[in-house]
N, C-alpha and C. Protein backbone atom coordinates (compact mmCIF):
# COMPACT_ATOMS: atom_id res chain seq x y z
N UNK A 1 -9.78 0.15 7.20
CA UNK A 1 -9.21 1.47 7.30
C UNK A 1 -7.84 1.48 6.61
N UNK A 2 -7.61 2.43 5.77
CA UNK A 2 -6.34 2.56 5.04
C UNK A 2 -5.49 3.65 5.68
N UNK A 3 -4.22 3.34 5.87
CA UNK A 3 -3.26 4.29 6.42
C UNK A 3 -2.27 4.66 5.33
N UNK A 4 -2.06 5.95 5.14
CA UNK A 4 -1.08 6.44 4.15
C UNK A 4 0.14 6.97 4.87
N UNK A 5 1.32 6.65 4.32
CA UNK A 5 2.58 7.14 4.87
C UNK A 5 3.54 7.44 3.74
N UNK A 6 4.42 8.40 3.99
CA UNK A 6 5.53 8.70 3.09
C UNK A 6 6.80 8.38 3.86
N UNK A 7 7.65 7.53 3.27
CA UNK A 7 8.87 7.06 3.92
C UNK A 7 10.07 7.40 3.04
N UNK A 8 11.15 7.86 3.65
CA UNK A 8 12.37 8.15 2.90
C UNK A 8 13.56 7.49 3.59
N UNK A 9 14.39 6.84 2.78
CA UNK A 9 15.58 6.15 3.29
C UNK A 9 16.84 6.72 2.63
N UNK A 10 17.91 6.73 3.38
CA UNK A 10 19.26 6.93 2.86
C UNK A 10 19.74 5.53 2.49
N UNK A 11 19.88 5.26 1.19
CA UNK A 11 20.24 3.93 0.73
C UNK A 11 21.75 3.89 0.50
N UNK A 12 22.48 3.52 1.54
CA UNK A 12 23.94 3.54 1.47
C UNK A 12 24.47 2.54 0.46
N UNK A 13 23.78 1.41 0.26
CA UNK A 13 24.24 0.39 -0.67
C UNK A 13 24.28 0.87 -2.11
N UNK A 14 23.43 1.85 -2.46
CA UNK A 14 23.41 2.37 -3.83
C UNK A 14 24.02 3.76 -3.92
N UNK A 15 24.43 4.33 -2.78
CA UNK A 15 24.92 5.70 -2.77
C UNK A 15 23.82 6.67 -3.12
N UNK A 16 22.60 6.40 -2.66
CA UNK A 16 21.47 7.25 -3.03
C UNK A 16 20.39 7.33 -1.98
N UNK A 17 19.17 7.63 -2.44
CA UNK A 17 18.01 7.82 -1.57
C UNK A 17 16.79 7.20 -2.22
N UNK A 18 15.79 6.89 -1.39
CA UNK A 18 14.52 6.38 -1.88
C UNK A 18 13.38 7.00 -1.08
N UNK A 19 12.30 7.34 -1.75
CA UNK A 19 11.07 7.76 -1.10
C UNK A 19 9.94 6.89 -1.62
N UNK A 20 9.09 6.42 -0.69
CA UNK A 20 7.93 5.60 -1.05
C UNK A 20 6.67 6.22 -0.46
N UNK A 21 5.65 6.31 -1.28
CA UNK A 21 4.33 6.75 -0.86
C UNK A 21 3.50 5.49 -0.71
N UNK A 22 3.05 5.18 0.50
CA UNK A 22 2.41 3.90 0.77
C UNK A 22 0.98 4.06 1.28
N UNK A 23 0.19 3.03 1.00
CA UNK A 23 -1.15 2.89 1.56
C UNK A 23 -1.29 1.44 2.02
N UNK A 24 -1.69 1.26 3.28
CA UNK A 24 -1.86 -0.08 3.85
C UNK A 24 -3.24 -0.17 4.48
N UNK A 25 -3.94 -1.26 4.17
CA UNK A 25 -5.23 -1.51 4.80
C UNK A 25 -5.81 -2.83 4.39
N UNK A 26 -6.46 -3.53 5.32
CA UNK A 26 -7.13 -4.80 5.05
C UNK A 26 -6.23 -5.82 4.36
N UNK A 27 -4.98 -5.92 4.79
CA UNK A 27 -4.07 -6.92 4.24
C UNK A 27 -3.52 -6.59 2.87
N UNK A 28 -3.67 -5.34 2.44
CA UNK A 28 -3.21 -4.92 1.11
C UNK A 28 -2.24 -3.75 1.26
N UNK A 29 -1.17 -3.78 0.46
CA UNK A 29 -0.20 -2.70 0.40
C UNK A 29 -0.13 -2.19 -1.03
N UNK A 30 -0.21 -0.88 -1.16
CA UNK A 30 0.02 -0.22 -2.45
C UNK A 30 1.10 0.83 -2.21
N UNK A 31 2.03 0.92 -3.16
CA UNK A 31 3.11 1.89 -3.00
C UNK A 31 3.60 2.34 -4.35
N UNK A 32 4.10 3.54 -4.37
CA UNK A 32 4.85 4.04 -5.51
C UNK A 32 6.10 4.68 -4.94
N UNK A 33 7.21 4.47 -5.63
CA UNK A 33 8.46 4.96 -5.09
C UNK A 33 9.38 5.51 -6.16
N UNK A 34 10.29 6.32 -5.71
CA UNK A 34 11.33 6.90 -6.57
C UNK A 34 12.64 6.77 -5.82
N UNK A 35 13.69 6.42 -6.56
CA UNK A 35 15.01 6.29 -5.95
C UNK A 35 16.05 6.79 -6.93
N UNK A 36 17.14 7.24 -6.37
CA UNK A 36 18.31 7.62 -7.16
C UNK A 36 19.49 6.88 -6.56
N UNK A 37 20.34 6.37 -7.42
CA UNK A 37 21.54 5.68 -6.97
C UNK A 37 22.73 6.13 -7.78
N UNK A 38 23.92 5.89 -7.23
CA UNK A 38 25.14 6.26 -7.95
C UNK A 38 26.07 5.07 -8.15
N UNK A 39 25.70 3.89 -7.60
CA UNK A 39 26.53 2.69 -7.70
C UNK A 39 25.73 1.61 -8.40
N UNK A 40 26.19 1.00 -9.46
CA UNK A 40 27.51 1.08 -10.07
C UNK A 40 27.68 2.27 -11.01
N UNK A 41 26.57 2.97 -11.33
CA UNK A 41 26.59 4.18 -12.14
C UNK A 41 25.38 5.00 -11.73
N UNK A 42 25.34 6.30 -12.02
CA UNK A 42 24.15 7.08 -11.67
C UNK A 42 22.90 6.55 -12.41
N UNK A 43 21.80 6.42 -11.65
CA UNK A 43 20.55 5.96 -12.24
C UNK A 43 19.36 6.45 -11.41
N UNK A 44 18.19 6.45 -12.05
CA UNK A 44 16.91 6.75 -11.40
C UNK A 44 16.05 5.50 -11.47
N UNK A 45 15.26 5.27 -10.43
CA UNK A 45 14.30 4.16 -10.40
C UNK A 45 12.93 4.73 -10.06
N UNK A 46 11.93 4.26 -10.78
CA UNK A 46 10.54 4.56 -10.45
C UNK A 46 9.81 3.22 -10.39
N UNK A 47 9.00 3.01 -9.35
CA UNK A 47 8.28 1.73 -9.25
C UNK A 47 6.88 1.94 -8.69
N UNK A 48 6.03 0.98 -9.00
CA UNK A 48 4.70 0.88 -8.40
C UNK A 48 4.51 -0.56 -7.98
N UNK A 49 4.01 -0.74 -6.78
CA UNK A 49 3.82 -2.05 -6.18
C UNK A 49 2.37 -2.18 -5.74
N UNK A 50 1.78 -3.31 -6.03
CA UNK A 50 0.42 -3.59 -5.60
C UNK A 50 0.37 -5.02 -5.09
N UNK A 51 -0.21 -5.20 -3.90
CA UNK A 51 -0.40 -6.55 -3.38
C UNK A 51 -1.89 -6.88 -3.35
N UNK A 52 -2.17 -8.16 -3.30
CA UNK A 52 -3.53 -8.65 -3.08
C UNK A 52 -3.66 -8.90 -1.58
N UNK A 53 -4.69 -9.61 -1.15
CA UNK A 53 -4.88 -9.92 0.26
C UNK A 53 -3.70 -10.66 0.85
N UNK A 54 -3.51 -10.48 2.17
CA UNK A 54 -2.40 -11.08 2.91
C UNK A 54 -1.03 -10.60 2.42
N UNK A 55 -1.02 -9.44 1.79
CA UNK A 55 0.22 -8.81 1.33
C UNK A 55 0.98 -9.65 0.32
N UNK A 56 0.27 -10.43 -0.49
CA UNK A 56 0.87 -11.22 -1.55
C UNK A 56 1.03 -10.32 -2.79
N UNK A 57 2.23 -10.27 -3.33
CA UNK A 57 2.48 -9.42 -4.50
C UNK A 57 1.52 -9.75 -5.63
N UNK A 58 0.94 -8.72 -6.19
CA UNK A 58 0.11 -8.86 -7.38
C UNK A 58 0.88 -8.33 -8.60
N UNK A 59 1.50 -7.14 -8.43
CA UNK A 59 2.20 -6.54 -9.57
C UNK A 59 3.27 -5.56 -9.09
N UNK A 60 4.40 -5.60 -9.77
CA UNK A 60 5.48 -4.63 -9.57
C UNK A 60 5.89 -4.13 -10.94
N UNK A 61 5.80 -2.83 -11.15
CA UNK A 61 6.32 -2.23 -12.38
C UNK A 61 7.49 -1.34 -12.00
N UNK A 62 8.57 -1.45 -12.75
CA UNK A 62 9.80 -0.72 -12.45
C UNK A 62 10.38 -0.15 -13.73
N UNK A 63 10.85 1.08 -13.65
CA UNK A 63 11.60 1.70 -14.74
C UNK A 63 12.92 2.21 -14.17
N UNK A 64 14.01 1.91 -14.85
CA UNK A 64 15.33 2.40 -14.47
C UNK A 64 15.88 3.21 -15.63
N UNK A 65 16.36 4.42 -15.33
CA UNK A 65 17.00 5.26 -16.33
C UNK A 65 18.44 5.52 -15.93
N UNK A 66 19.35 5.23 -16.85
CA UNK A 66 20.77 5.52 -16.67
C UNK A 66 21.22 6.36 -17.87
N UNK A 67 22.47 6.73 -17.92
CA UNK A 67 22.96 7.64 -18.96
C UNK A 67 22.69 7.14 -20.37
N UNK A 68 22.93 5.87 -20.64
CA UNK A 68 22.84 5.36 -22.00
C UNK A 68 21.64 4.47 -22.27
N UNK A 69 20.80 4.24 -21.26
CA UNK A 69 19.69 3.32 -21.50
C UNK A 69 18.55 3.55 -20.52
N UNK A 70 17.40 3.03 -20.93
CA UNK A 70 16.21 3.02 -20.08
C UNK A 70 15.65 1.61 -20.14
N UNK A 71 15.39 1.02 -18.97
CA UNK A 71 14.85 -0.34 -18.90
C UNK A 71 13.54 -0.28 -18.13
N UNK A 72 12.67 -1.25 -18.43
CA UNK A 72 11.45 -1.36 -17.64
C UNK A 72 11.11 -2.83 -17.44
N UNK A 73 10.32 -3.09 -16.41
CA UNK A 73 9.91 -4.45 -16.06
C UNK A 73 8.48 -4.39 -15.56
N UNK A 74 7.68 -5.32 -16.03
CA UNK A 74 6.32 -5.50 -15.54
C UNK A 74 6.25 -6.92 -14.99
N UNK A 75 6.34 -7.06 -13.67
CA UNK A 75 6.37 -8.35 -12.98
C UNK A 75 4.99 -8.59 -12.37
N UNK A 76 4.39 -9.74 -12.71
CA UNK A 76 3.04 -10.03 -12.22
C UNK A 76 2.95 -11.42 -11.62
N UNK A 77 2.13 -11.50 -10.58
CA UNK A 77 1.81 -12.77 -9.92
C UNK A 77 0.31 -12.98 -10.07
N UNK A 78 -0.09 -14.15 -10.56
CA UNK A 78 -1.50 -14.38 -10.86
C UNK A 78 -2.33 -14.82 -9.66
N UNK A 79 -1.72 -14.94 -8.47
CA UNK A 79 -2.44 -15.35 -7.28
C UNK A 79 -2.58 -16.86 -7.13
N UNK A 80 -2.11 -17.60 -8.12
CA UNK A 80 -2.20 -19.06 -8.09
C UNK A 80 -0.82 -19.71 -8.23
N UNK A 81 0.24 -18.91 -8.13
CA UNK A 81 1.59 -19.46 -8.23
C UNK A 81 2.30 -19.17 -9.53
N UNK A 82 1.61 -18.53 -10.46
CA UNK A 82 2.24 -18.19 -11.74
C UNK A 82 2.78 -16.77 -11.75
N UNK A 83 3.99 -16.62 -12.25
CA UNK A 83 4.63 -15.31 -12.37
C UNK A 83 4.98 -15.06 -13.83
N UNK A 84 4.87 -13.80 -14.25
CA UNK A 84 5.34 -13.40 -15.58
C UNK A 84 6.19 -12.14 -15.44
N UNK A 85 7.14 -12.01 -16.35
CA UNK A 85 7.96 -10.80 -16.47
C UNK A 85 7.78 -10.31 -17.89
N UNK A 86 7.20 -9.12 -18.04
CA UNK A 86 6.91 -8.55 -19.35
C UNK A 86 6.12 -9.53 -20.21
N UNK A 87 5.18 -10.23 -19.59
CA UNK A 87 4.30 -11.15 -20.30
C UNK A 87 4.83 -12.54 -20.51
N UNK A 88 6.11 -12.78 -20.22
CA UNK A 88 6.73 -14.10 -20.38
C UNK A 88 6.67 -14.87 -19.06
N UNK A 89 6.19 -16.09 -19.10
CA UNK A 89 6.08 -16.92 -17.90
C UNK A 89 7.46 -17.18 -17.28
N UNK A 90 7.53 -17.13 -15.96
CA UNK A 90 8.77 -17.39 -15.22
C UNK A 90 8.67 -18.75 -14.54
N UNK A 91 9.34 -19.77 -15.03
CA UNK A 91 9.32 -21.06 -14.36
C UNK A 91 10.17 -21.03 -13.09
N UNK A 92 9.80 -21.85 -12.11
CA UNK A 92 10.59 -21.95 -10.89
C UNK A 92 10.19 -21.00 -9.79
N UNK A 93 9.11 -20.25 -9.98
CA UNK A 93 8.67 -19.28 -8.98
C UNK A 93 7.33 -19.67 -8.36
N UNK A 94 6.85 -20.88 -8.59
CA UNK A 94 5.51 -21.27 -8.20
C UNK A 94 5.22 -21.08 -6.71
N UNK A 95 6.22 -21.22 -5.84
CA UNK A 95 6.01 -21.07 -4.40
C UNK A 95 6.22 -19.65 -3.90
N UNK A 96 6.60 -18.73 -4.78
CA UNK A 96 6.88 -17.35 -4.37
C UNK A 96 5.59 -16.56 -4.21
N UNK A 97 5.50 -15.82 -3.11
CA UNK A 97 4.39 -14.91 -2.87
C UNK A 97 4.81 -13.45 -2.96
N UNK A 98 6.12 -13.22 -2.86
CA UNK A 98 6.62 -11.85 -2.77
C UNK A 98 7.63 -11.53 -3.86
N UNK A 99 7.65 -10.26 -4.24
CA UNK A 99 8.75 -9.74 -5.03
C UNK A 99 9.73 -9.10 -4.04
N UNK A 100 10.96 -8.93 -4.46
CA UNK A 100 11.96 -8.24 -3.65
C UNK A 100 12.78 -7.40 -4.62
N UNK A 101 12.50 -6.11 -4.62
CA UNK A 101 13.22 -5.19 -5.50
C UNK A 101 14.56 -4.88 -4.87
N UNK A 102 15.64 -5.19 -5.57
CA UNK A 102 16.99 -4.97 -5.06
C UNK A 102 17.20 -3.53 -4.61
N UNK A 103 17.91 -3.36 -3.51
CA UNK A 103 18.27 -2.07 -2.93
C UNK A 103 17.06 -1.26 -2.47
N UNK A 104 15.91 -1.93 -2.30
CA UNK A 104 14.66 -1.27 -1.91
C UNK A 104 14.21 -1.80 -0.55
N UNK A 105 14.31 -1.00 0.51
CA UNK A 105 13.89 -1.49 1.82
C UNK A 105 12.39 -1.73 1.94
N UNK A 106 11.59 -1.13 1.10
CA UNK A 106 10.14 -1.29 1.19
C UNK A 106 9.70 -2.73 0.99
N UNK A 107 10.32 -3.46 0.06
CA UNK A 107 9.81 -4.79 -0.29
C UNK A 107 10.11 -5.86 0.77
N UNK A 108 10.80 -5.50 1.85
CA UNK A 108 10.94 -6.42 2.99
C UNK A 108 9.68 -6.39 3.86
N UNK A 109 8.79 -5.45 3.61
CA UNK A 109 7.61 -5.27 4.43
C UNK A 109 6.58 -6.38 4.27
N UNK A 110 6.35 -6.85 3.04
CA UNK A 110 5.25 -7.79 2.81
C UNK A 110 5.35 -9.07 3.64
N UNK A 111 6.48 -9.81 3.62
CA UNK A 111 6.53 -11.04 4.43
C UNK A 111 6.46 -10.77 5.93
N UNK A 112 7.02 -9.65 6.37
CA UNK A 112 6.98 -9.31 7.79
C UNK A 112 5.55 -9.04 8.23
N UNK A 113 4.79 -8.28 7.44
CA UNK A 113 3.39 -8.03 7.78
C UNK A 113 2.55 -9.30 7.71
N UNK A 114 2.72 -10.08 6.64
CA UNK A 114 1.92 -11.29 6.46
C UNK A 114 2.07 -12.26 7.63
N UNK A 115 3.29 -12.37 8.17
CA UNK A 115 3.55 -13.33 9.23
C UNK A 115 3.65 -12.69 10.62
N UNK A 116 3.39 -11.37 10.70
CA UNK A 116 3.40 -10.68 12.00
C UNK A 116 4.74 -10.66 12.68
N UNK A 117 5.82 -10.71 11.91
CA UNK A 117 7.17 -10.80 12.48
C UNK A 117 7.65 -9.48 13.10
N UNK A 118 6.91 -8.41 12.94
CA UNK A 118 7.22 -7.14 13.59
C UNK A 118 6.51 -7.05 14.95
N UNK A 119 5.72 -8.09 15.28
CA UNK A 119 4.93 -8.06 16.52
C UNK A 119 5.25 -9.21 17.48
N UNK A 120 5.82 -10.32 16.97
CA UNK A 120 6.07 -11.43 17.86
C UNK A 120 6.87 -12.54 17.23
N UNK A 121 7.20 -13.55 18.03
CA UNK A 121 8.09 -14.63 17.61
C UNK A 121 7.63 -15.38 16.36
N UNK A 122 8.61 -15.83 15.62
CA UNK A 122 8.36 -16.64 14.45
C UNK A 122 9.56 -16.63 13.52
N UNK A 123 9.56 -17.58 12.62
CA UNK A 123 10.58 -17.66 11.58
C UNK A 123 9.91 -18.18 10.32
N UNK A 124 10.23 -17.57 9.20
CA UNK A 124 9.66 -17.99 7.93
C UNK A 124 10.74 -18.04 6.86
N UNK A 125 10.79 -19.17 6.16
CA UNK A 125 11.66 -19.32 4.99
C UNK A 125 10.76 -19.25 3.78
N UNK A 126 11.08 -18.38 2.84
CA UNK A 126 10.19 -18.18 1.71
C UNK A 126 10.97 -17.88 0.44
N UNK A 127 10.32 -18.17 -0.67
CA UNK A 127 10.88 -17.89 -1.98
C UNK A 127 10.35 -16.55 -2.47
N UNK A 128 11.23 -15.72 -3.03
CA UNK A 128 10.81 -14.44 -3.59
C UNK A 128 11.25 -14.35 -5.05
N UNK A 129 10.59 -13.45 -5.76
CA UNK A 129 11.01 -13.08 -7.11
C UNK A 129 11.90 -11.84 -6.94
N UNK A 130 13.22 -12.05 -6.90
CA UNK A 130 14.17 -10.97 -6.63
C UNK A 130 14.52 -10.26 -7.93
N UNK A 131 14.43 -8.92 -7.90
CA UNK A 131 14.68 -8.09 -9.08
C UNK A 131 15.95 -7.28 -8.84
N UNK A 132 16.97 -7.47 -9.69
CA UNK A 132 18.22 -6.73 -9.54
C UNK A 132 18.04 -5.29 -10.03
N UNK A 133 18.78 -4.39 -9.40
CA UNK A 133 18.79 -2.98 -9.80
C UNK A 133 20.24 -2.59 -9.99
N UNK A 134 20.60 -1.99 -11.13
CA UNK A 134 19.74 -1.40 -12.15
C UNK A 134 19.40 -2.31 -13.34
N UNK A 135 19.86 -3.56 -13.37
CA UNK A 135 19.68 -4.41 -14.56
C UNK A 135 18.25 -4.89 -14.78
N UNK A 136 17.47 -5.02 -13.69
CA UNK A 136 16.08 -5.49 -13.74
C UNK A 136 15.95 -6.95 -14.19
N UNK A 137 16.92 -7.76 -13.86
CA UNK A 137 16.79 -9.21 -14.09
C UNK A 137 16.03 -9.81 -12.90
N UNK A 138 15.30 -10.88 -13.15
CA UNK A 138 14.50 -11.52 -12.11
C UNK A 138 15.04 -12.92 -11.87
N UNK A 139 15.26 -13.26 -10.60
CA UNK A 139 15.72 -14.60 -10.28
C UNK A 139 15.09 -15.04 -8.97
N UNK A 140 14.95 -16.36 -8.76
CA UNK A 140 14.42 -16.84 -7.49
C UNK A 140 15.42 -16.62 -6.36
N UNK A 141 14.91 -16.26 -5.19
CA UNK A 141 15.77 -16.02 -4.03
C UNK A 141 15.09 -16.57 -2.78
N UNK A 142 15.72 -17.56 -2.14
CA UNK A 142 15.21 -18.08 -0.87
C UNK A 142 15.67 -17.15 0.23
N UNK A 143 14.74 -16.75 1.09
CA UNK A 143 15.02 -15.81 2.16
C UNK A 143 14.41 -16.32 3.46
N UNK A 144 15.06 -16.03 4.57
CA UNK A 144 14.54 -16.39 5.88
C UNK A 144 14.44 -15.14 6.75
N UNK A 145 13.28 -14.95 7.36
CA UNK A 145 13.03 -13.86 8.29
C UNK A 145 12.80 -14.48 9.67
N UNK A 146 13.54 -14.00 10.69
CA UNK A 146 13.43 -14.53 12.05
C UNK A 146 13.26 -13.39 13.03
N UNK A 147 12.19 -13.41 13.80
CA UNK A 147 11.94 -12.41 14.83
C UNK A 147 12.99 -12.57 15.93
N UNK A 148 13.67 -11.46 16.28
CA UNK A 148 14.71 -11.51 17.31
C UNK A 148 14.28 -10.86 18.62
N UNK A 149 13.30 -9.96 18.57
CA UNK A 149 12.84 -9.32 19.79
C UNK A 149 12.40 -7.89 19.56
N UNK A 150 11.74 -7.33 20.56
CA UNK A 150 11.23 -5.96 20.43
C UNK A 150 12.34 -4.93 20.56
N UNK A 151 12.09 -3.76 20.00
CA UNK A 151 12.93 -2.58 20.19
C UNK A 151 12.02 -1.49 20.74
N UNK A 152 12.57 -0.34 21.01
CA UNK A 152 11.75 0.76 21.52
C UNK A 152 10.70 1.23 20.54
N UNK A 153 10.91 0.97 19.25
CA UNK A 153 9.98 1.48 18.24
C UNK A 153 9.41 0.40 17.33
N UNK A 154 9.64 -0.86 17.65
CA UNK A 154 9.14 -1.94 16.79
C UNK A 154 9.79 -3.26 17.15
N UNK A 155 10.50 -3.84 16.18
CA UNK A 155 11.13 -5.14 16.40
C UNK A 155 12.37 -5.30 15.52
N UNK A 156 13.24 -6.18 15.96
CA UNK A 156 14.42 -6.54 15.19
C UNK A 156 14.17 -7.92 14.59
N UNK A 157 14.46 -8.05 13.28
CA UNK A 157 14.22 -9.28 12.54
C UNK A 157 15.49 -9.62 11.77
N UNK A 158 15.97 -10.87 11.91
CA UNK A 158 17.14 -11.30 11.13
C UNK A 158 16.67 -11.67 9.74
N UNK A 159 17.37 -11.13 8.74
CA UNK A 159 17.14 -11.46 7.34
C UNK A 159 18.33 -12.28 6.88
N UNK A 160 18.07 -13.40 6.20
CA UNK A 160 19.15 -14.23 5.67
C UNK A 160 18.78 -14.69 4.27
N UNK A 161 19.76 -14.61 3.37
CA UNK A 161 19.60 -15.11 2.01
C UNK A 161 20.97 -15.56 1.54
N UNK A 162 21.11 -16.86 1.27
CA UNK A 162 22.44 -17.38 0.93
C UNK A 162 23.37 -17.16 2.10
N UNK A 163 24.53 -16.56 1.85
CA UNK A 163 25.48 -16.29 2.92
C UNK A 163 25.29 -14.90 3.54
N UNK A 164 24.36 -14.10 3.00
CA UNK A 164 24.11 -12.75 3.51
C UNK A 164 23.20 -12.80 4.73
N UNK A 165 23.56 -12.02 5.77
CA UNK A 165 22.76 -11.90 6.99
C UNK A 165 22.73 -10.44 7.42
N UNK A 166 21.59 -10.01 7.93
CA UNK A 166 21.48 -8.67 8.49
C UNK A 166 20.37 -8.66 9.52
N UNK A 167 20.53 -7.86 10.56
CA UNK A 167 19.48 -7.69 11.57
C UNK A 167 18.77 -6.37 11.28
N UNK A 168 17.55 -6.47 10.77
CA UNK A 168 16.79 -5.32 10.32
C UNK A 168 15.87 -4.85 11.44
N UNK A 169 15.82 -3.54 11.65
CA UNK A 169 14.87 -2.97 12.60
C UNK A 169 13.65 -2.47 11.84
N UNK A 170 12.47 -2.97 12.25
CA UNK A 170 11.19 -2.56 11.66
C UNK A 170 10.43 -1.70 12.66
N UNK A 171 9.64 -0.75 12.16
CA UNK A 171 8.80 0.03 13.06
C UNK A 171 7.55 -0.76 13.41
N UNK A 172 6.70 -0.21 14.23
CA UNK A 172 5.51 -0.93 14.70
C UNK A 172 4.51 -1.22 13.58
N UNK A 173 4.65 -0.54 12.43
CA UNK A 173 3.77 -0.78 11.29
C UNK A 173 4.37 -1.76 10.28
N UNK A 174 5.59 -2.27 10.54
CA UNK A 174 6.22 -3.26 9.66
C UNK A 174 7.08 -2.68 8.55
N UNK A 175 7.44 -1.39 8.65
CA UNK A 175 8.32 -0.77 7.65
C UNK A 175 9.74 -0.68 8.19
N UNK A 176 10.72 -0.83 7.31
CA UNK A 176 12.14 -0.81 7.70
C UNK A 176 12.53 0.55 8.27
N UNK A 177 13.14 0.51 9.46
CA UNK A 177 13.77 1.69 10.05
C UNK A 177 15.27 1.68 9.75
N UNK A 178 15.90 0.54 9.99
CA UNK A 178 17.35 0.42 9.79
C UNK A 178 17.68 -0.96 9.25
N UNK A 179 18.34 -0.97 8.12
CA UNK A 179 18.75 -2.23 7.47
C UNK A 179 20.26 -2.09 7.28
N UNK A 180 21.05 -2.51 8.28
CA UNK A 180 22.50 -2.34 8.20
C UNK A 180 23.08 -2.87 6.89
N UNK A 181 23.90 -2.04 6.27
CA UNK A 181 24.52 -2.41 5.00
C UNK A 181 23.67 -2.05 3.80
N UNK A 182 22.41 -1.66 4.02
CA UNK A 182 21.54 -1.29 2.90
C UNK A 182 20.98 0.11 3.04
N UNK A 183 20.20 0.35 4.10
CA UNK A 183 19.49 1.63 4.19
C UNK A 183 19.10 1.97 5.62
N UNK A 184 18.93 3.26 5.87
CA UNK A 184 18.42 3.76 7.15
C UNK A 184 17.36 4.81 6.85
N UNK A 185 16.27 4.72 7.59
CA UNK A 185 15.16 5.64 7.33
C UNK A 185 15.47 7.03 7.84
N UNK A 186 15.17 8.03 7.01
CA UNK A 186 15.33 9.43 7.38
C UNK A 186 14.03 9.99 7.94
N UNK A 187 12.91 9.68 7.27
CA UNK A 187 11.57 10.09 7.75
C UNK A 187 10.57 9.00 7.43
């Protein structure tokens, strides 16, 4: 059974907003999103995300438009540990299962759903293919997700990467409700 949802966040970190149209079912997530930001300069983002089984990233396409330029990225995971960006192989990402689009609360969903961290105890340290916005550069990022406990509408999960830490609130379906310092869901 596939469930469709439309989610909108106030993205304070970018001085903007994001809306994602999502479909989730049988361990697969598909989404398309649009965002506008004003930091470090005004820009638009359009993306499409597709996962394979167990919410493992299959493909992320992103386009960013700013005043003087337009950039795009086609990030793909072959399901066997190989990643490419615009057709060029990315070494050092062999253990990564997830992409993480910068300033995008949606891409925190995949590891949380895969490991059930919105439903019960656990901790997972994982490698992601992190994509900066608005530059669209890709770099490896080690991240740790730790279940902290239930809330009235889902669960609180600690996110850590390098020296950055935040306690993210997820809804019962594994989507971000509140990510202090990044975004808060409006609908």
